[in-house]
Structure formats: C-alpha cells, structure tokens
Amino acid sequence: MARRSRVDIGDEETELNMTPMLDVVFILLIFFIVTSVFVKTPGVDPFKPEATTDDEWDPTILVGVNSLNEIWIDKRPYDVSEIRPVIQSMKDENPKAQAIIIGDRDAEAGVVMEIQELMQDLRIETRISTE
C-alpha cells in the first residue's frame, strides 16, 4: 500500500517589500518640489480684501504694506521717504515695469494711497492686490 505524504508548508508569514514603493514615492515628491512654481512675495503675510474681478497679472515690482503700516519691497522694510529711489531704480532697470501693492486689510488706506500716487508719479502701472 502506498502512503500519501504531506508537505508541511509551515506558518511562515510572507511580507510585502515596501522599499520599491517608498523609492517611487520619494522620487515623485522630489519631482514635484523641483518643478513647482515659486511665488515671489514682498516679505509680509498680509490679510487681503476680497477681489471683485478675476484678472491675472504678472507684476515686476511687489510692494507690501502690513497691518503695522510697514512698507516692504523685496523682503526688506522701508520708510515712506525711502521707497521713491528704490522704486525708481527698479523702473530704470525695467522701463515697462508693472507694480502691485499688497496691502493688509488692517493697513491704513493713506499709506497704500501714498504708494499708489508715487507709482503714478513715476508712470508705473499699478494695481492693488486682493484675494
């Protein structure tokens, strides 16, 4: 009589190797970080008012006014009396320069208007940023 033999498989647990999947995830993460668009800000984080239109615009001069009425250009604070030569030098570098004023909702309107009048004096097309 022939005996039947059993093969004992055992209680070994099979594992799923996660290393290749983690490699792919990290490569995708690096890809998206490298290819992302970096937005230039003037150095303040303002709380902006709501927008009434949805126009896109690409300014070359960014001026920020925070809630303490501090004026920021290229991540550096300036006094009101100091911004004219700074903006004039930016205009000299790019005669077709366009400007955007990023004013905090709590900033005084007079400061923002003074900057806007300065831009008009220098013949720079200006808009005020909103959300």
C-alpha atoms as a PDB file:
ATOM      1  CA  MET A   1       0.000   0.000   0.000  1.00  0.00           C
ATOM      2  CA  ALA A   2       1.321   3.359  -0.938  1.00  0.00           C
ATOM      3  CA  ARG A   3       1.463   6.047   1.584  1.00  0.00           C
ATOM      4  CA  ARG A   4       0.438   9.530   0.911  1.00  0.00           C
ATOM      5  CA  SER A   5       2.936  12.085   2.035  1.00  0.00           C
ATOM      6  CA  ARG A   6       2.084  15.538   3.178  1.00  0.00           C
ATOM      7  CA  VAL A   7       4.244  18.537   2.592  1.00  0.00           C
ATOM      8  CA  ASP A   8       4.295  20.783   5.636  1.00  0.00           C
ATOM      9  CA  ILE A   9       4.018  24.382   4.434  1.00  0.00           C
ATOM     10  CA  GLY A  10       4.658  25.819   7.870  1.00  0.00           C
ATOM     11  CA  ASP A  11       3.494  29.016   9.473  1.00  0.00           C
ATOM     12  CA  GLU A  12       5.838  31.370   7.649  1.00  0.00           C
ATOM     13  CA  GLU A  13       4.383  34.812   7.044  1.00  0.00           C
ATOM     14  CA  THR A  14       5.023  36.415   3.726  1.00  0.00           C
ATOM     15  CA  GLU A  15       5.997  40.076   3.743  1.00  0.00           C
ATOM     16  CA  LEU A  16       5.378  42.686   1.129  1.00  0.00           C
ATOM     17  CA  ASN A  17       8.582  44.560   0.347  1.00  0.00           C
ATOM     18  CA  MET A  18       7.771  48.293   0.668  1.00  0.00           C
ATOM     19  CA  THR A  19      11.195  49.596  -0.370  1.00  0.00           C
ATOM     20  CA  PRO A  20      10.475  49.982  -4.109  1.00  0.00           C
ATOM     21  CA  MET A  21       7.183  51.736  -3.402  1.00  0.00           C
ATOM     22  CA  LEU A  22       8.879  54.157  -0.987  1.00  0.00           C
ATOM     23  CA  ASP A  23      11.539  54.857  -3.624  1.00  0.00           C
ATOM     24  CA  VAL A  24       8.848  55.783  -6.134  1.00  0.00           C
ATOM     25  CA  VAL A  25       7.053  57.998  -3.601  1.00  0.00           C
ATOM     26  CA  PHE A  26      10.251  59.880  -2.760  1.00  0.00           C
ATOM     27  CA  ILE A  27      11.129  60.324  -6.435  1.00  0.00           C
ATOM     28  CA  LEU A  28       7.656  61.765  -7.084  1.00  0.00           C
ATOM     29  CA  LEU A  29       8.000  64.054  -4.069  1.00  0.00           C
ATOM     30  CA  ILE A  30      11.362  65.351  -5.298  1.00  0.00           C
ATOM     31  CA  PHE A  31       9.950  65.818  -8.808  1.00  0.00           C
ATOM     32  CA  PHE A  32       7.030  67.937  -7.590  1.00  0.00           C
ATOM     33  CA  ILE A  33       9.226  70.019  -5.294  1.00  0.00           C
ATOM     34  CA  VAL A  34      11.708  70.765  -8.071  1.00  0.00           C
ATOM     35  CA  THR A  35       9.081  71.551 -10.708  1.00  0.00           C
ATOM     36  CA  SER A  36       6.799  73.638  -8.518  1.00  0.00           C
ATOM     37  CA  VAL A  37       6.450  77.337  -9.230  1.00  0.00           C
ATOM     38  CA  PHE A  38       7.812  79.597  -6.556  1.00  0.00           C
ATOM     39  CA  VAL A  39       5.828  82.771  -5.913  1.00  0.00           C
ATOM     40  CA  LYS A  40       7.761  85.924  -5.102  1.00  0.00           C
ATOM     41  CA  THR A  41       6.393  87.823  -2.116  1.00  0.00           C
ATOM     42  CA  PRO A  42       7.408  91.209  -0.753  1.00  0.00           C
ATOM     43  CA  GLY A  43       8.233  89.847   2.707  1.00  0.00           C
ATOM     44  CA  VAL A  44       4.961  90.276   4.586  1.00  0.00           C
ATOM     45  CA  ASP A  45       1.991  87.992   5.008  1.00  0.00           C
ATOM     46  CA  PRO A  46      -0.968  90.334   4.543  1.00  0.00           C
ATOM     47  CA  PHE A  47      -4.634  89.637   5.122  1.00  0.00           C
ATOM     48  CA  LYS A  48      -6.032  90.900   1.814  1.00  0.00           C
ATOM     49  CA  PRO A  49      -9.563  92.055   0.988  1.00  0.00           C
ATOM     50  CA  GLU A  50     -11.810  90.100  -1.381  1.00  0.00           C
ATOM     51  CA  ALA A  51     -11.478  90.648  -5.146  1.00  0.00           C
ATOM     52  CA  THR A  52     -14.265  91.900  -7.388  1.00  0.00           C
ATOM     53  CA  THR A  53     -12.653  90.697 -10.662  1.00  0.00           C
ATOM     54  CA  ASP A  54     -10.638  87.636 -11.594  1.00  0.00           C
ATOM     55  CA  ASP A  55      -7.871  89.096 -13.794  1.00  0.00           C
ATOM     56  CA  GLU A  56      -4.421  87.501 -13.808  1.00  0.00           C
ATOM     57  CA  TRP A  57      -1.461  89.890 -13.867  1.00  0.00           C
ATOM     58  CA  ASP A  58       2.322  89.466 -13.730  1.00  0.00           C
ATOM     59  CA  PRO A  59       3.900  92.448 -11.927  1.00  0.00           C
ATOM     60  CA  THR A  60       7.641  93.093 -11.755  1.00  0.00           C
ATOM     61  CA  ILE A  61       7.529  95.304  -8.638  1.00  0.00           C
ATOM     62  CA  LEU A  62       5.928  93.972  -5.456  1.00  0.00           C
ATOM     63  CA  VAL A  63       5.224  96.392  -2.611  1.00  0.00           C
ATOM     64  CA  GLY A  64       3.738  95.103   0.633  1.00  0.00           C
ATOM     65  CA  VAL A  65       2.080  97.027   3.453  1.00  0.00           C
ATOM     66  CA  ASN A  66       1.378  95.077   6.631  1.00  0.00           C
ATOM     67  CA  SER A  67      -1.072  95.784   9.449  1.00  0.00           C
ATOM     68  CA  LEU A  68       1.554  97.924  11.226  1.00  0.00           C
ATOM     69  CA  ASN A  69       1.820 100.132   8.093  1.00  0.00           C
ATOM     70  CA  GLU A  70       5.366  98.924   7.410  1.00  0.00           C
ATOM     71  CA  ILE A  71       6.320  99.058   3.723  1.00  0.00           C
ATOM     72  CA  TRP A  72       8.180  96.025   2.348  1.00  0.00           C
ATOM     73  CA  ILE A  73       9.901  95.744  -1.037  1.00  0.00           C
ATOM     74  CA  ASP A  74      11.884  92.590  -1.927  1.00  0.00           C
ATOM     75  CA  LYS A  75      11.643  91.276   1.651  1.00  0.00           C
ATOM     76  CA  ARG A  76      13.191  94.448   3.105  1.00  0.00           C
ATOM     77  CA  PRO A  77      11.346  97.071   5.163  1.00  0.00           C
ATOM     78  CA  TYR A  78      11.464 100.705   4.049  1.00  0.00           C
ATOM     79  CA  ASP A  79      10.228 104.023   5.361  1.00  0.00           C
ATOM     80  CA  VAL A  80       7.814 106.023   3.192  1.00  0.00           C
ATOM     81  CA  SER A  81      10.564 108.534   2.408  1.00  0.00           C
ATOM     82  CA  GLU A  82      12.943 105.768   1.252  1.00  0.00           C
ATOM     83  CA  ILE A  83      10.774 103.995  -1.305  1.00  0.00           C
ATOM     84  CA  ARG A  84      10.913 106.557  -4.150  1.00  0.00           C
ATOM     85  CA  PRO A  85      14.600 105.925  -5.044  1.00  0.00           C
ATOM     86  CA  VAL A  86      14.170 102.163  -4.638  1.00  0.00           C
ATOM     87  CA  ILE A  87      11.178 102.029  -6.979  1.00  0.00           C
ATOM     88  CA  GLN A  88      12.849 104.489  -9.386  1.00  0.00           C
ATOM     89  CA  SER A  89      15.881 102.193  -9.653  1.00  0.00           C
ATOM     90  CA  MET A  90      13.568  99.233 -10.343  1.00  0.00           C
ATOM     91  CA  LYS A  91      11.844 101.275 -13.060  1.00  0.00           C
ATOM     92  CA  ASP A  92      15.235 102.210 -14.548  1.00  0.00           C
ATOM     93  CA  GLU A  93      16.112  98.507 -14.770  1.00  0.00           C
ATOM     94  CA  ASN A  94      12.790  97.711 -16.464  1.00  0.00           C
ATOM     95  CA  PRO A  95      11.077 100.713 -18.122  1.00  0.00           C
ATOM     96  CA  LYS A  96       7.898  98.665 -18.720  1.00  0.00           C
ATOM     97  CA  ALA A  97       7.692  97.680 -15.060  1.00  0.00           C
ATOM     98  CA  GLN A  98       4.291  96.980 -13.570  1.00  0.00           C
ATOM     99  CA  ALA A  99       3.650  97.114  -9.842  1.00  0.00           C
ATOM    100  CA  ILE A 100       1.274  95.524  -7.418  1.00  0.00           C
ATOM    101  CA  ILE A 101       0.599  96.799  -3.917  1.00  0.00           C
ATOM    102  CA  ILE A 102      -0.187  94.023  -1.465  1.00  0.00           C
ATOM    103  CA  GLY A 103      -1.892  95.789   1.401  1.00  0.00           C
ATOM    104  CA  ASP A 104      -3.139  94.186   4.577  1.00  0.00           C
ATOM    105  CA  ARG A 105      -6.820  94.704   5.336  1.00  0.00           C
ATOM    106  CA  ASP A 106      -5.832  96.438   8.596  1.00  0.00           C
ATOM    107  CA  ALA A 107      -3.283  98.760   6.943  1.00  0.00           C
ATOM    108  CA  GLU A 108      -4.166 102.428   6.740  1.00  0.00           C
ATOM    109  CA  ALA A 109      -5.579 103.381   3.364  1.00  0.00           C
ATOM    110  CA  GLY A 110      -3.477 106.548   3.383  1.00  0.00           C
ATOM    111  CA  VAL A 111      -0.231 104.574   3.255  1.00  0.00           C
ATOM    112  CA  VAL A 112      -1.451 102.448   0.354  1.00  0.00           C
ATOM    113  CA  MET A 113      -2.745 105.529  -1.486  1.00  0.00           C
ATOM    114  CA  GLU A 114       0.568 107.335  -0.943  1.00  0.00           C
ATOM    115  CA  ILE A 115       2.401 104.421  -2.556  1.00  0.00           C
ATOM    116  CA  GLN A 116      -0.108 104.365  -5.415  1.00  0.00           C
ATOM    117  CA  GLU A 117       0.364 108.113  -6.008  1.00  0.00           C
ATOM    118  CA  LEU A 118       4.128 107.601  -6.049  1.00  0.00           C
ATOM    119  CA  MET A 119       3.702 104.903  -8.699  1.00  0.00           C
ATOM    120  CA  GLN A 120       1.546 107.255 -10.773  1.00  0.00           C
ATOM    121  CA  ASP A 121       4.198 109.981 -10.486  1.00  0.00           C
ATOM    122  CA  LEU A 122       6.793 107.510 -11.774  1.00  0.00           C
ATOM    123  CA  ARG A 123       4.391 106.397 -14.552  1.00  0.00           C
ATOM    124  CA  ILE A 124       4.244 102.797 -13.355  1.00  0.00           C
ATOM    125  CA  GLU A 125       1.050 100.852 -13.995  1.00  0.00           C
ATOM    126  CA  THR A 126      -0.170  99.759 -10.572  1.00  0.00           C
ATOM    127  CA  ARG A 127      -2.830  97.502  -9.114  1.00  0.00           C
ATOM    128  CA  ILE A 128      -3.820  96.737  -5.563  1.00  0.00           C
ATOM    129  CA  SER A 129      -3.810  93.055  -4.645  1.00  0.00           C
ATOM    130  CA  THR A 130      -6.916  91.304  -3.350  1.00  0.00           C
ATOM    131  CA  GLU A 131      -7.880  87.688  -2.817  1.00  0.00           C
END
